[in-house]
Amino acid sequence: MSPSTNGNRIALSLSREEAWIAHAALLDAGAAAVDAGDDAPAQCRPIRRIERDRALDADGAVLLRDALVEYLGDAPVRDRAPGRALFRRADDAIEATPQSTARGPQEF
């Protein structure tokens, strides 16, 4: 079953383990953005929404998906299978969102 969408919001229903993986991936992506000179990395917005168990907007879901692509390349073994499952759900939800302007899925 695909994740529910409400307008431009995407509810992914993360397990506790998936939320930790999403958090780690977004933190890594945010740190890379800071290292590149960004004072307010966009990756912080989805982290706050995930921590509050709230739906992501399409941009937040894209940030999560892209962060997972980068994170899963060097992720701890325990994070790989649930991270890939989360990636697939996020990607499916992005593609199902009518206003999606996101790039196509990426491989990791």
N, C-alpha and C. Protein backbone atom coordinates (compact mmCIF):
# COMPACT_ATOMS: atom_id res chain seq x y z
N MET A 1 0.84 -1.17 0.00
CA MET A 1 0.00 0.00 0.00
C MET A 1 0.89 1.24 0.00
N SER A 2 0.57 2.19 -0.84
CA SER A 2 1.40 3.39 -0.92
C SER A 2 1.08 4.33 0.24
N PRO A 3 2.05 5.15 0.62
CA PRO A 3 1.82 6.10 1.70
C PRO A 3 0.70 7.06 1.34
N SER A 4 -0.04 7.51 2.35
CA SER A 4 -1.13 8.42 2.07
C SER A 4 -0.60 9.80 1.76
N THR A 5 -1.31 10.49 0.90
CA THR A 5 -0.97 11.86 0.58
C THR A 5 -2.19 12.72 0.83
N ASN A 6 -1.98 13.92 1.27
CA ASN A 6 -3.05 14.86 1.52
C ASN A 6 -2.63 16.18 0.89
N GLY A 7 -3.10 16.41 -0.34
CA GLY A 7 -2.66 17.60 -1.03
C GLY A 7 -1.17 17.48 -1.33
N ASN A 8 -0.41 18.38 -0.78
CA ASN A 8 1.03 18.38 -0.99
C ASN A 8 1.76 17.77 0.21
N ARG A 9 1.04 17.13 1.12
CA ARG A 9 1.64 16.48 2.30
C ARG A 9 1.76 14.99 2.07
N ILE A 10 2.84 14.43 2.58
CA ILE A 10 3.12 13.01 2.42
C ILE A 10 3.33 12.40 3.80
N ALA A 11 2.42 11.51 4.20
CA ALA A 11 2.54 10.83 5.48
C ALA A 11 3.20 9.48 5.25
N LEU A 12 4.40 9.30 5.79
CA LEU A 12 5.14 8.06 5.56
C LEU A 12 4.99 7.03 6.67
N SER A 13 4.44 7.38 7.81
CA SER A 13 4.27 6.44 8.92
C SER A 13 5.55 5.67 9.20
N LEU A 14 6.51 6.35 9.77
CA LEU A 14 7.81 5.75 10.03
C LEU A 14 7.80 4.93 11.32
N SER A 15 8.45 3.78 11.25
CA SER A 15 8.70 3.03 12.48
C SER A 15 9.77 3.79 13.26
N ARG A 16 9.98 3.39 14.50
CA ARG A 16 11.01 4.05 15.31
C ARG A 16 12.39 3.91 14.65
N GLU A 17 12.67 2.71 14.15
CA GLU A 17 13.95 2.45 13.49
C GLU A 17 14.10 3.31 12.23
N GLU A 18 13.04 3.39 11.42
CA GLU A 18 13.09 4.21 10.22
C GLU A 18 13.24 5.69 10.55
N ALA A 19 12.61 6.14 11.62
CA ALA A 19 12.74 7.54 12.03
C ALA A 19 14.19 7.84 12.40
N TRP A 20 14.86 6.91 13.08
CA TRP A 20 16.27 7.12 13.42
C TRP A 20 17.13 7.18 12.16
N ILE A 21 16.83 6.31 11.19
CA ILE A 21 17.58 6.30 9.94
C ILE A 21 17.35 7.60 9.18
N ALA A 22 16.10 8.03 9.10
CA ALA A 22 15.78 9.29 8.42
C ALA A 22 16.50 10.44 9.10
N HIS A 23 16.49 10.45 10.42
CA HIS A 23 17.15 11.50 11.20
C HIS A 23 18.65 11.52 10.90
N ALA A 24 19.28 10.34 10.92
CA ALA A 24 20.72 10.25 10.65
C ALA A 24 21.04 10.71 9.23
N ALA A 25 20.23 10.28 8.27
CA ALA A 25 20.47 10.66 6.87
C ALA A 25 20.33 12.16 6.67
N LEU A 26 19.29 12.75 7.26
CA LEU A 26 19.07 14.19 7.11
C LEU A 26 20.13 15.00 7.85
N LEU A 27 20.57 14.51 9.01
CA LEU A 27 21.66 15.20 9.72
C LEU A 27 22.94 15.20 8.91
N ASP A 28 23.28 14.05 8.32
CA ASP A 28 24.47 13.97 7.49
C ASP A 28 24.37 14.92 6.29
N ALA A 29 23.20 14.94 5.64
CA ALA A 29 23.01 15.82 4.49
C ALA A 29 23.07 17.29 4.91
N GLY A 30 22.50 17.60 6.07
CA GLY A 30 22.56 18.97 6.58
C GLY A 30 23.97 19.38 6.92
N ALA A 31 24.74 18.47 7.51
CA ALA A 31 26.14 18.77 7.84
C ALA A 31 26.95 19.02 6.57
N ALA A 32 26.67 18.23 5.52
CA ALA A 32 27.36 18.45 4.25
C ALA A 32 26.99 19.80 3.65
N ALA A 33 25.74 20.20 3.80
CA ALA A 33 25.30 21.50 3.30
C ALA A 33 25.97 22.63 4.07
N VAL A 34 26.11 22.47 5.39
CA VAL A 34 26.81 23.48 6.20
C VAL A 34 28.27 23.56 5.77
N ASP A 35 28.89 22.42 5.56
CA ASP A 35 30.29 22.39 5.12
C ASP A 35 30.45 23.10 3.77
N ALA A 36 29.39 23.07 2.96
CA ALA A 36 29.43 23.73 1.65
C ALA A 36 29.07 25.21 1.74
N GLY A 37 28.81 25.70 2.97
CA GLY A 37 28.56 27.13 3.15
C GLY A 37 27.12 27.52 3.41
N ASP A 38 26.20 26.56 3.52
CA ASP A 38 24.80 26.87 3.78
C ASP A 38 24.59 27.09 5.27
N ASP A 39 24.14 28.29 5.64
CA ASP A 39 23.94 28.60 7.06
C ASP A 39 22.67 28.00 7.63
N ALA A 40 21.68 27.73 6.79
CA ALA A 40 20.40 27.18 7.24
C ALA A 40 19.99 26.05 6.29
N PRO A 41 20.58 24.87 6.47
CA PRO A 41 20.31 23.78 5.54
C PRO A 41 18.83 23.38 5.55
N ALA A 42 18.30 23.16 4.38
CA ALA A 42 16.90 22.78 4.22
C ALA A 42 16.58 21.45 4.90
N GLN A 43 17.57 20.61 5.12
CA GLN A 43 17.35 19.30 5.72
C GLN A 43 16.82 19.38 7.15
N CYS A 44 16.93 20.53 7.80
CA CYS A 44 16.43 20.67 9.17
C CYS A 44 14.91 20.64 9.22
N ARG A 45 14.24 21.14 8.19
CA ARG A 45 12.77 21.17 8.20
C ARG A 45 12.17 19.78 8.28
N PRO A 46 12.58 18.83 7.43
CA PRO A 46 11.98 17.50 7.57
C PRO A 46 12.35 16.79 8.88
N ILE A 47 13.51 17.09 9.43
CA ILE A 47 13.88 16.47 10.71
C ILE A 47 12.85 16.85 11.77
N ARG A 48 12.52 18.13 11.85
CA ARG A 48 11.55 18.58 12.85
C ARG A 48 10.19 17.93 12.63
N ARG A 49 9.77 17.79 11.39
CA ARG A 49 8.46 17.19 11.10
C ARG A 49 8.48 15.69 11.46
N ILE A 50 9.58 15.01 11.16
CA ILE A 50 9.68 13.59 11.50
C ILE A 50 9.66 13.40 13.00
N GLU A 51 10.38 14.23 13.74
CA GLU A 51 10.40 14.13 15.20
C GLU A 51 9.02 14.33 15.81
N ARG A 52 8.18 15.12 15.16
CA ARG A 52 6.83 15.38 15.66
C ARG A 52 5.80 14.44 15.04
N ASP A 53 6.26 13.45 14.26
CA ASP A 53 5.40 12.48 13.59
C ASP A 53 4.35 13.18 12.72
N ARG A 54 4.81 14.18 11.96
CA ARG A 54 3.93 14.93 11.08
C ARG A 54 4.28 14.62 9.63
N ALA A 55 3.30 14.81 8.76
CA ALA A 55 3.50 14.56 7.33
C ALA A 55 4.53 15.55 6.76
N LEU A 56 5.25 15.09 5.77
CA LEU A 56 6.22 15.93 5.08
C LEU A 56 5.56 16.60 3.88
N ASP A 57 6.04 17.79 3.52
CA ASP A 57 5.60 18.34 2.24
C ASP A 57 6.44 17.67 1.16
N ALA A 58 6.09 17.91 -0.09
CA ALA A 58 6.80 17.25 -1.20
C ALA A 58 8.29 17.56 -1.18
N ASP A 59 8.64 18.82 -0.88
CA ASP A 59 10.06 19.18 -0.83
C ASP A 59 10.78 18.43 0.28
N GLY A 60 10.13 18.28 1.44
CA GLY A 60 10.74 17.54 2.55
C GLY A 60 10.94 16.07 2.20
N ALA A 61 9.97 15.49 1.49
CA ALA A 61 10.10 14.09 1.08
C ALA A 61 11.25 13.93 0.08
N VAL A 62 11.42 14.91 -0.80
CA VAL A 62 12.53 14.86 -1.76
C VAL A 62 13.86 14.98 -1.01
N LEU A 63 13.92 15.88 -0.04
CA LEU A 63 15.14 16.02 0.76
C LEU A 63 15.46 14.72 1.49
N LEU A 64 14.43 14.07 2.03
CA LEU A 64 14.63 12.80 2.73
C LEU A 64 15.13 11.74 1.75
N ARG A 65 14.46 11.62 0.60
CA ARG A 65 14.87 10.62 -0.38
C ARG A 65 16.32 10.84 -0.81
N ASP A 66 16.67 12.08 -1.13
CA ASP A 66 18.03 12.38 -1.56
C ASP A 66 19.05 12.12 -0.46
N ALA A 67 18.68 12.45 0.78
CA ALA A 67 19.58 12.20 1.92
C ALA A 67 19.78 10.70 2.10
N LEU A 68 18.72 9.92 1.91
CA LEU A 68 18.84 8.46 2.03
C LEU A 68 19.77 7.89 0.97
N VAL A 69 19.73 8.44 -0.25
CA VAL A 69 20.62 7.97 -1.31
C VAL A 69 22.07 8.11 -0.85
N GLU A 70 22.40 9.27 -0.34
CA GLU A 70 23.78 9.52 0.12
C GLU A 70 24.11 8.68 1.35
N TYR A 71 23.20 8.62 2.30
CA TYR A 71 23.46 7.93 3.57
C TYR A 71 23.64 6.43 3.37
N LEU A 72 22.80 5.82 2.55
CA LEU A 72 22.80 4.37 2.44
C LEU A 72 24.06 3.82 1.75
N GLY A 73 24.79 4.67 1.06
CA GLY A 73 26.04 4.22 0.44
C GLY A 73 27.06 3.76 1.47
N ASP A 74 27.08 4.40 2.64
CA ASP A 74 28.04 4.05 3.69
C ASP A 74 27.36 3.76 5.02
N ALA A 75 26.09 3.44 4.98
CA ALA A 75 25.32 3.23 6.21
C ALA A 75 25.77 1.96 6.94
N PRO A 76 25.58 1.95 8.26
CA PRO A 76 25.83 0.71 8.99
C PRO A 76 24.92 -0.39 8.43
N VAL A 77 25.38 -1.61 8.48
CA VAL A 77 24.63 -2.74 7.91
C VAL A 77 23.21 -2.79 8.47
N ARG A 78 23.04 -2.52 9.75
CA ARG A 78 21.71 -2.60 10.37
C ARG A 78 20.73 -1.61 9.78
N ASP A 79 21.22 -0.52 9.17
CA ASP A 79 20.36 0.52 8.63
C ASP A 79 20.00 0.30 7.16
N ARG A 80 20.68 -0.59 6.49
CA ARG A 80 20.53 -0.69 5.03
C ARG A 80 19.17 -1.20 4.59
N ALA A 81 18.70 -2.32 5.10
CA ALA A 81 17.41 -2.86 4.64
C ALA A 81 16.25 -1.92 5.01
N PRO A 82 16.14 -1.49 6.27
CA PRO A 82 15.03 -0.57 6.56
C PRO A 82 15.19 0.77 5.85
N GLY A 83 16.41 1.20 5.63
CA GLY A 83 16.65 2.45 4.91
C GLY A 83 16.23 2.35 3.45
N ARG A 84 16.51 1.21 2.83
CA ARG A 84 16.08 1.01 1.44
C ARG A 84 14.56 0.95 1.35
N ALA A 85 13.92 0.30 2.32
CA ALA A 85 12.45 0.24 2.33
C ALA A 85 11.87 1.65 2.48
N LEU A 86 12.45 2.44 3.35
CA LEU A 86 12.00 3.82 3.54
C LEU A 86 12.24 4.63 2.26
N PHE A 87 13.38 4.45 1.64
CA PHE A 87 13.67 5.13 0.37
C PHE A 87 12.59 4.82 -0.66
N ARG A 88 12.26 3.53 -0.82
CA ARG A 88 11.26 3.14 -1.81
C ARG A 88 9.91 3.76 -1.51
N ARG A 89 9.50 3.76 -0.23
CA ARG A 89 8.21 4.36 0.13
C ARG A 89 8.21 5.86 -0.13
N ALA A 90 9.30 6.53 0.23
CA ALA A 90 9.39 7.98 -0.01
C ALA A 90 9.35 8.26 -1.51
N ASP A 91 10.09 7.49 -2.28
CA ASP A 91 10.12 7.69 -3.72
C ASP A 91 8.74 7.45 -4.33
N ASP A 92 8.07 6.38 -3.92
CA ASP A 92 6.72 6.09 -4.43
C ASP A 92 5.76 7.23 -4.08
N ALA A 93 5.86 7.74 -2.87
CA ALA A 93 4.97 8.82 -2.44
C ALA A 93 5.25 10.10 -3.23
N ILE A 94 6.51 10.38 -3.50
CA ILE A 94 6.87 11.57 -4.28
C ILE A 94 6.29 11.44 -5.69
N GLU A 95 6.45 10.29 -6.29
CA GLU A 95 5.95 10.08 -7.64
C GLU A 95 4.42 10.14 -7.70
N ALA A 96 3.75 9.79 -6.60
CA ALA A 96 2.28 9.81 -6.56
C ALA A 96 1.72 11.19 -6.26
N THR A 97 2.57 12.12 -5.85
CA THR A 97 2.11 13.46 -5.52
C THR A 97 1.89 14.24 -6.81
N PRO A 98 0.67 14.76 -7.04
CA PRO A 98 0.36 15.44 -8.30
C PRO A 98 1.28 16.61 -8.63
N GLN A 99 1.67 17.40 -7.67
CA GLN A 99 2.50 18.57 -7.94
C GLN A 99 3.98 18.24 -7.91
N SER A 100 4.32 16.97 -7.92
CA SER A 100 5.72 16.58 -7.80
C SER A 100 6.56 17.13 -8.94
N THR A 101 7.58 17.87 -8.58
CA THR A 101 8.56 18.36 -9.55
C THR A 101 9.90 17.71 -9.27
N ALA A 102 9.85 16.63 -8.52
CA ALA A 102 11.08 15.96 -8.08
C ALA A 102 11.74 15.23 -9.23
N ARG A 103 13.04 15.10 -9.09
CA ARG A 103 13.78 14.29 -10.03
C ARG A 103 13.37 12.83 -9.86
N GLY A 104 13.64 12.05 -10.84
CA GLY A 104 13.34 10.63 -10.78
C GLY A 104 14.14 9.92 -9.72
N PRO A 105 13.83 8.65 -9.46
CA PRO A 105 14.52 7.90 -8.41
C PRO A 105 16.00 7.76 -8.71
N GLN A 106 16.76 7.69 -7.66
CA GLN A 106 18.19 7.53 -7.79
C GLN A 106 18.58 6.16 -7.24
N GLU A 107 19.64 5.64 -7.75
CA GLU A 107 20.14 4.35 -7.28
C GLU A 107 21.22 4.56 -6.24
N PHE A 108 21.33 3.63 -5.33
CA PHE A 108 22.40 3.67 -4.33
C PHE A 108 23.03 2.32 -4.24
